[in-house]
Protein backbone atom coordinates (compact mmCIF):
# COMPACT_ATOMS: atom_id res chain seq x y z
CA MET A 1 -26.00 -33.25 3.06
CA GLU A 2 -27.40 -31.48 6.11
CA TYR A 3 -23.84 -30.70 7.23
CA GLU A 4 -23.29 -28.74 4.03
CA GLN A 5 -26.00 -26.30 5.13
CA THR A 6 -24.33 -25.50 8.47
CA ASP A 7 -22.46 -22.26 9.11
CA GLU A 8 -19.39 -24.27 10.11
CA PHE A 9 -19.24 -25.95 6.70
CA LYS A 10 -19.80 -22.66 4.87
CA ALA A 11 -16.95 -21.02 6.81
CA TYR A 12 -14.71 -24.01 5.97
CA ARG A 13 -15.56 -23.71 2.26
CA ARG A 14 -14.75 -19.97 2.21
CA LYS A 15 -11.37 -20.61 3.82
CA ARG A 16 -10.63 -23.52 1.50
CA TYR A 17 -11.60 -21.45 -1.55
CA ALA A 18 -8.96 -18.84 -0.68
CA ILE A 19 -6.30 -21.50 -0.16
CA GLU A 20 -7.15 -23.43 -3.32
CA SER A 21 -6.86 -20.32 -5.48
CA LYS A 22 -3.31 -19.76 -4.17
CA ASN A 23 -2.46 -23.42 -4.74
CA SER A 24 -3.77 -23.15 -8.29
CA GLN A 25 -1.67 -20.04 -8.90
CA LEU A 26 1.45 -21.78 -7.62
CA LYS A 27 0.74 -24.86 -9.70
CA ASN A 28 -0.23 -23.22 -12.98
CA THR A 29 1.68 -19.92 -13.02
CA TYR A 30 4.79 -20.78 -11.05
CA GLY A 31 5.45 -24.31 -12.26
CA LEU A 32 4.69 -26.46 -9.24
CA ALA A 33 2.60 -28.84 -11.32
CA ARG A 34 5.78 -30.67 -12.28
CA ASN A 35 8.91 -31.22 -10.22
CA LYS A 36 11.97 -29.98 -12.05
CA THR A 37 14.41 -31.88 -9.86
CA SER A 38 14.82 -35.46 -8.71
CA ASP A 39 15.23 -34.94 -4.97
CA LEU A 40 13.39 -33.48 -2.02
CA LYS A 41 15.85 -30.60 -1.56
CA GLY A 42 15.31 -29.48 -5.14
CA MET A 43 11.54 -29.66 -4.80
CA THR A 44 11.71 -27.73 -1.53
CA LEU A 45 13.84 -25.04 -3.16
CA GLN A 46 11.49 -24.85 -6.14
CA SER A 47 8.50 -24.49 -3.80
CA VAL A 48 10.16 -21.85 -1.63
CA MET A 49 11.19 -19.80 -4.66
CA ALA A 50 7.65 -19.95 -6.08
CA ILE A 51 6.14 -18.91 -2.75
CA ILE A 52 8.61 -16.03 -2.44
CA ALA A 53 7.67 -14.89 -5.96
CA VAL A 54 3.95 -14.97 -5.11
CA ASN A 55 4.53 -13.04 -1.88
CA LEU A 56 6.72 -10.42 -3.57
CA LYS A 57 4.09 -9.96 -6.25
CA ARG A 58 1.46 -9.44 -3.53
CA ILE A 59 3.67 -6.97 -1.61
CA ILE A 60 4.26 -4.94 -4.77
CA SER A 61 0.55 -4.95 -5.54
CA LEU A 62 -0.32 -3.76 -2.03
CA GLN A 63 2.33 -1.04 -2.18
CA LYS A 64 1.00 0.22 -5.52
CA GLU A 65 -2.53 0.31 -4.10
CA LYS A 66 -1.32 2.20 -1.02
CA ASN A 67 0.52 4.75 -3.20
CA ARG A 68 -2.56 5.15 -5.38
CA LEU A 69 -4.75 5.85 -2.34
CA ILE A 70 -2.22 8.33 -0.92
CA ALA A 71 -2.08 10.21 -4.23
CA LYS A 72 -5.88 10.26 -4.42
CA GLU A 73 -6.11 11.68 -0.89
CA LYS A 74 -3.49 14.35 -1.70
CA ARG A 75 -5.50 15.42 -4.75
CA ARG A 76 -8.64 15.60 -2.66
CA LEU A 77 -6.91 17.72 0.01
CA ASN A 78 -5.45 20.04 -2.66
CA ARG A 79 -8.90 20.58 -4.17
CA LEU A 80 -10.32 21.23 -0.71
CA SER A 81 -7.62 23.79 0.17
CA ARG A 82 -8.08 25.59 -3.17
CA THR A 83 -11.83 25.76 -2.56
CA ASN A 84 -11.23 27.18 0.94
CA ARG A 85 -8.80 29.81 -0.38
CA LEU A 86 -11.23 30.92 -3.08
CA SER A 87 -14.16 31.23 -0.69
CA SER A 88 -12.24 33.37 1.86
């Protein structure tokens, strides 16, 4: 139990936590809990398609967040320029 108190173990647990949440998402949301085919090629294809879906979903989410931040910054700059025009 002493090992569980070390920084090395805590770092390992943080990394594993991130990986396990992705595995859970693939298993529960994208159907990897049960093989839909009877051969290795089919399982490989099913896994690849699920991983692509997860990655595309993440890319879209990141792009939306980036666009949101850009729009927020534009609004801030517009307010700032209006304030400068009014004060001059």
